[in-house]
Amino acid sequence: MKTFSNRYIFTYSAVLVVVAALILTVVAVSLKPQQTQNQEAEKKQMILKTIGVEATRENAAELYAKHITEADGYYTFDGGIVLPMSGTGLWGPIWGYLALDGSSTVVGAVFDHKGETPGLGGEIATDKFAQRFIGKKMDVEPIHLAKNADHSNPHEVDAISGGTMTSNGVTAMLEKAYNDYSKLTSCSSSTSLTSSTTDSREEATE
């Protein structure tokens, strides 16, 4: 049986590692543009979903350009504003978008996460969870998640059963979004923001 010196084995292993690393790097670099494109399409799909426009990856860019105007840190549509949200759940990042009309009423919501527990915190990514926010208010105070929430309270939404940490993360995320929203407009000037948004869209299309 042929034997190899330790030096040969070490050199051979090092060459294999270098070659494998080079291959992985080339693959990662070549796929980066596609990954970025997919992420951007997914983001646009989420924003469009909050205003009731369903989109695919193929037509997301076209529909986004038609319905959404990007502003400084937020997005506008004909009738209101879409607030981006980001925070931390139990196992990692959570994020979402909240669409508000001119009266600071939620007309659409969407949430997602990186690694929350399926069936527990992971429920934030479901349409069922997002529907809880429709009709709620982001006016005099932020929306918050609560156990056995009072459904008549325009600022309370049912927390996730068994997902306390994720619920707390969503509440913190909503509070931050509310603070950002308050800097943009007060309750009394929400209508004027919507009007200026509509005017800017009309000017953009002229």
Protein backbone atom coordinates (compact mmCIF):
# COMPACT_ATOMS: atom_id res chain seq x y z
CA MET A 1 0.00 0.00 0.00
CA LYS A 2 1.32 3.37 -1.01
CA THR A 3 1.88 5.77 1.84
CA PHE A 4 2.10 9.55 1.77
CA SER A 5 4.14 11.86 3.91
CA ASN A 6 2.49 14.23 6.33
CA ARG A 7 3.74 17.11 4.22
CA TYR A 8 2.05 15.74 1.12
CA ILE A 9 -1.23 15.17 2.95
CA PHE A 10 -1.14 18.68 4.40
CA THR A 11 -0.37 20.26 1.03
CA TYR A 12 -3.06 18.23 -0.74
CA SER A 13 -5.65 19.18 1.91
CA ALA A 14 -4.70 22.85 1.72
CA VAL A 15 -5.06 22.88 -2.06
CA LEU A 16 -8.50 21.26 -1.79
CA VAL A 17 -9.62 23.86 0.75
CA VAL A 18 -8.38 26.73 -1.43
CA VAL A 19 -10.04 25.33 -4.56
CA ALA A 20 -13.32 24.75 -2.71
CA ALA A 21 -13.20 28.26 -1.28
CA LEU A 22 -12.59 29.75 -4.71
CA ILE A 23 -15.51 27.82 -6.20
CA LEU A 24 -17.83 28.92 -3.40
CA THR A 25 -16.70 32.53 -3.79
CA VAL A 26 -17.31 32.50 -7.53
CA VAL A 27 -20.76 30.98 -7.04
CA ALA A 28 -21.66 33.47 -4.28
CA VAL A 29 -20.52 36.47 -6.35
CA SER A 30 -22.31 35.26 -9.46
CA LEU A 31 -25.56 34.70 -7.55
CA LYS A 32 -25.41 37.98 -5.59
CA PRO A 33 -27.22 40.10 -8.22
CA GLN A 34 -30.03 37.54 -8.44
CA GLN A 35 -30.32 37.34 -4.65
CA THR A 36 -30.47 41.13 -4.38
CA GLN A 37 -33.09 41.25 -7.12
CA ASN A 38 -35.19 38.59 -5.37
CA GLN A 39 -34.96 40.41 -2.04
CA GLU A 40 -36.02 43.67 -3.64
CA ALA A 41 -38.94 41.97 -5.38
CA GLU A 42 -40.03 40.37 -2.10
CA LYS A 43 -39.89 43.74 -0.34
CA LYS A 44 -42.04 45.34 -3.04
CA GLN A 45 -44.51 42.45 -2.84
CA MET A 46 -44.86 42.97 0.92
CA ILE A 47 -45.42 46.72 0.58
CA LEU A 48 -47.97 46.22 -2.18
CA LYS A 49 -49.79 43.61 -0.13
CA THR A 50 -50.44 46.14 2.63
CA ILE A 51 -52.47 48.26 0.21
CA GLY A 52 -54.36 45.28 -1.20
CA VAL A 53 -52.33 44.77 -4.37
CA GLU A 54 -51.19 41.19 -4.89
CA ALA A 55 -48.00 40.91 -6.92
CA THR A 56 -45.62 38.24 -8.14
CA ARG A 57 -41.86 38.56 -8.44
CA GLU A 58 -42.32 39.07 -12.14
CA ASN A 59 -44.72 42.04 -11.95
CA ALA A 60 -43.79 43.49 -8.53
CA ALA A 61 -41.58 46.23 -9.97
CA GLU A 62 -44.23 47.38 -12.44
CA LEU A 63 -47.04 47.45 -9.86
CA TYR A 64 -44.80 49.08 -7.29
CA ALA A 65 -43.95 51.92 -9.67
CA LYS A 66 -47.65 52.36 -10.39
CA HIS A 67 -48.93 52.44 -6.81
CA ILE A 68 -46.06 53.39 -4.49
CA THR A 69 -43.95 56.50 -4.06
CA GLU A 70 -40.79 56.28 -1.98
CA ALA A 71 -40.18 59.02 0.55
CA ASP A 72 -37.53 59.54 3.21
CA GLY A 73 -37.80 56.38 5.28
CA TYR A 74 -41.38 55.55 4.38
CA TYR A 75 -43.67 54.95 1.42
CA THR A 76 -46.84 56.63 0.21
CA PHE A 77 -49.80 55.49 -1.86
CA ASP A 78 -52.98 57.13 -3.06
CA GLY A 79 -54.79 57.48 0.25
CA GLY A 80 -52.09 57.12 2.84
CA ILE A 81 -48.69 56.03 4.01
CA VAL A 82 -46.85 52.73 4.47
CA LEU A 83 -44.55 52.53 7.48
CA PRO A 84 -41.60 50.11 7.46
CA MET A 85 -41.01 48.28 10.73
CA SER A 86 -38.09 46.29 12.08
CA GLY A 87 -37.29 44.73 15.41
CA THR A 88 -36.13 41.62 17.24
CA GLY A 89 -38.14 38.55 18.13
CA LEU A 90 -37.16 35.54 20.20
CA TRP A 91 -34.64 34.08 17.77
CA GLY A 92 -33.72 36.92 15.48
CA PRO A 93 -34.90 39.81 13.30
CA ILE A 94 -38.58 40.50 12.66
CA TRP A 95 -39.94 43.10 10.26
CA GLY A 96 -43.03 44.26 8.46
CA TYR A 97 -45.02 47.08 6.88
CA LEU A 98 -48.12 48.91 8.10
CA ALA A 99 -50.40 50.84 5.74
CA LEU A 100 -52.36 53.75 7.24
CA ASP A 101 -55.04 55.88 5.64
CA GLY A 102 -55.50 59.61 6.19
CA SER A 103 -57.14 59.03 9.59
CA SER A 104 -54.25 56.92 10.90
CA THR A 105 -56.35 53.77 10.56
CA VAL A 106 -54.61 50.56 9.53
CA VAL A 107 -55.80 49.40 6.14
CA GLY A 108 -53.19 46.70 5.65
CA ALA A 109 -50.33 44.95 7.40
CA VAL A 110 -47.73 42.32 6.72
CA PHE A 111 -45.06 40.79 8.96
CA ASP A 112 -42.18 38.38 8.53
CA HIS A 113 -39.32 36.91 10.51
CA LYS A 114 -36.02 35.14 10.12
CA GLY A 115 -36.24 32.33 12.65
CA GLU A 116 -39.24 32.47 14.98
CA THR A 117 -40.70 29.16 16.13
CA PRO A 118 -43.23 27.66 13.67
CA GLY A 119 -46.71 27.53 15.20
CA LEU A 120 -45.72 30.03 17.89
CA GLY A 121 -43.82 33.25 17.16
CA GLY A 122 -43.68 32.27 13.50
CA GLU A 123 -47.41 33.02 13.32
CA ILE A 124 -46.62 36.69 12.73
CA ALA A 125 -45.94 35.83 9.09
CA THR A 126 -49.50 34.58 8.54
CA ASP A 127 -52.37 36.50 6.98
CA LYS A 128 -54.49 35.58 10.00
CA PHE A 129 -52.18 37.53 12.29
CA ALA A 130 -51.93 40.51 9.93
CA GLN A 131 -55.73 40.73 9.70
CA ARG A 132 -55.89 41.51 13.43
CA PHE A 133 -54.50 44.96 12.70
CA ILE A 134 -57.06 46.04 10.11
CA GLY A 135 -59.13 48.91 11.49
CA LYS A 136 -56.81 49.60 14.42
CA LYS A 137 -55.45 53.09 15.04
CA MET A 138 -51.97 54.59 15.17
CA ASP A 139 -53.18 58.00 16.33
CA VAL A 140 -52.88 59.03 19.98
CA GLU A 141 -50.84 55.97 20.94
CA PRO A 142 -49.21 52.98 19.24
CA ILE A 143 -50.91 49.66 18.68
CA HIS A 144 -49.74 47.02 21.12
CA LEU A 145 -50.21 43.29 21.54
CA ALA A 146 -52.01 42.12 24.67
CA LYS A 147 -53.19 38.83 26.11
CA ASN A 148 -56.98 38.65 25.81
CA ALA A 149 -57.00 42.00 24.04
CA ASP A 150 -60.08 44.20 24.20
CA HIS A 151 -61.24 44.06 20.59
CA SER A 152 -63.17 47.31 21.02
CA ASN A 153 -59.92 49.07 21.89
CA PRO A 154 -58.52 50.54 18.65
CA HIS A 155 -54.97 50.18 19.98
CA GLU A 156 -55.02 46.55 21.17
CA VAL A 157 -54.37 43.39 19.20
CA ASP A 158 -54.37 39.81 20.47
CA ALA A 159 -50.90 38.61 21.35
CA ILE A 160 -49.55 35.35 19.96
CA SER A 161 -50.48 32.39 22.13
CA GLY A 162 -47.26 30.83 23.39
CA GLY A 163 -45.16 33.50 21.70
CA THR A 164 -44.60 36.04 24.46
CA MET A 165 -41.13 37.15 23.38
CA THR A 166 -42.16 37.52 19.76
CA SER A 167 -45.28 39.45 20.82
CA ASN A 168 -43.12 41.76 22.91
CA GLY A 169 -40.84 42.26 19.93
CA VAL A 170 -43.78 43.16 17.68
CA THR A 171 -45.10 45.63 20.28
CA ALA A 172 -41.68 47.30 20.51
CA MET A 173 -41.52 47.41 16.72
CA LEU A 174 -44.96 49.04 16.53
CA GLU A 175 -43.99 51.60 19.15
CA LYS A 176 -40.91 52.59 17.15
CA ALA A 177 -43.02 52.85 13.99
CA TYR A 178 -45.50 55.04 15.86
CA ASN A 179 -42.74 57.36 17.04
CA ASP A 180 -41.44 57.63 13.49
CA TYR A 181 -44.96 58.30 12.22
CA SER A 182 -45.52 60.97 14.86
CA LYS A 183 -42.46 62.82 13.61
CA LEU A 184 -43.93 62.88 10.13
CA THR A 185 -47.40 64.01 11.02
CA SER A 186 -49.65 64.65 13.99
CA CYS A 187 -53.20 63.31 14.11
CA SER A 188 -54.55 66.70 13.07
CA SER A 189 -52.35 66.90 9.95
CA SER A 190 -52.73 63.33 8.66
CA THR A 191 -55.14 64.50 5.97
CA SER A 192 -52.75 67.15 4.72
CA LEU A 193 -50.00 64.55 4.44
CA THR A 194 -52.27 62.39 2.33
CA SER A 195 -53.17 65.37 0.14
CA SER A 196 -49.54 66.30 -0.41
CA THR A 197 -48.79 62.65 -1.17
CA THR A 198 -51.50 62.55 -3.83
CA ASP A 199 -50.29 65.85 -5.30
CA SER A 200 -46.71 64.59 -5.48
CA ARG A 201 -47.85 61.45 -7.30
CA GLU A 202 -49.80 63.55 -9.80
CA GLU A 203 -46.77 65.78 -10.38
CA ALA A 204 -44.59 62.70 -10.87
CA THR A 205 -46.89 61.39 -13.61
CA GLU A 206 -47.12 64.69 -15.52
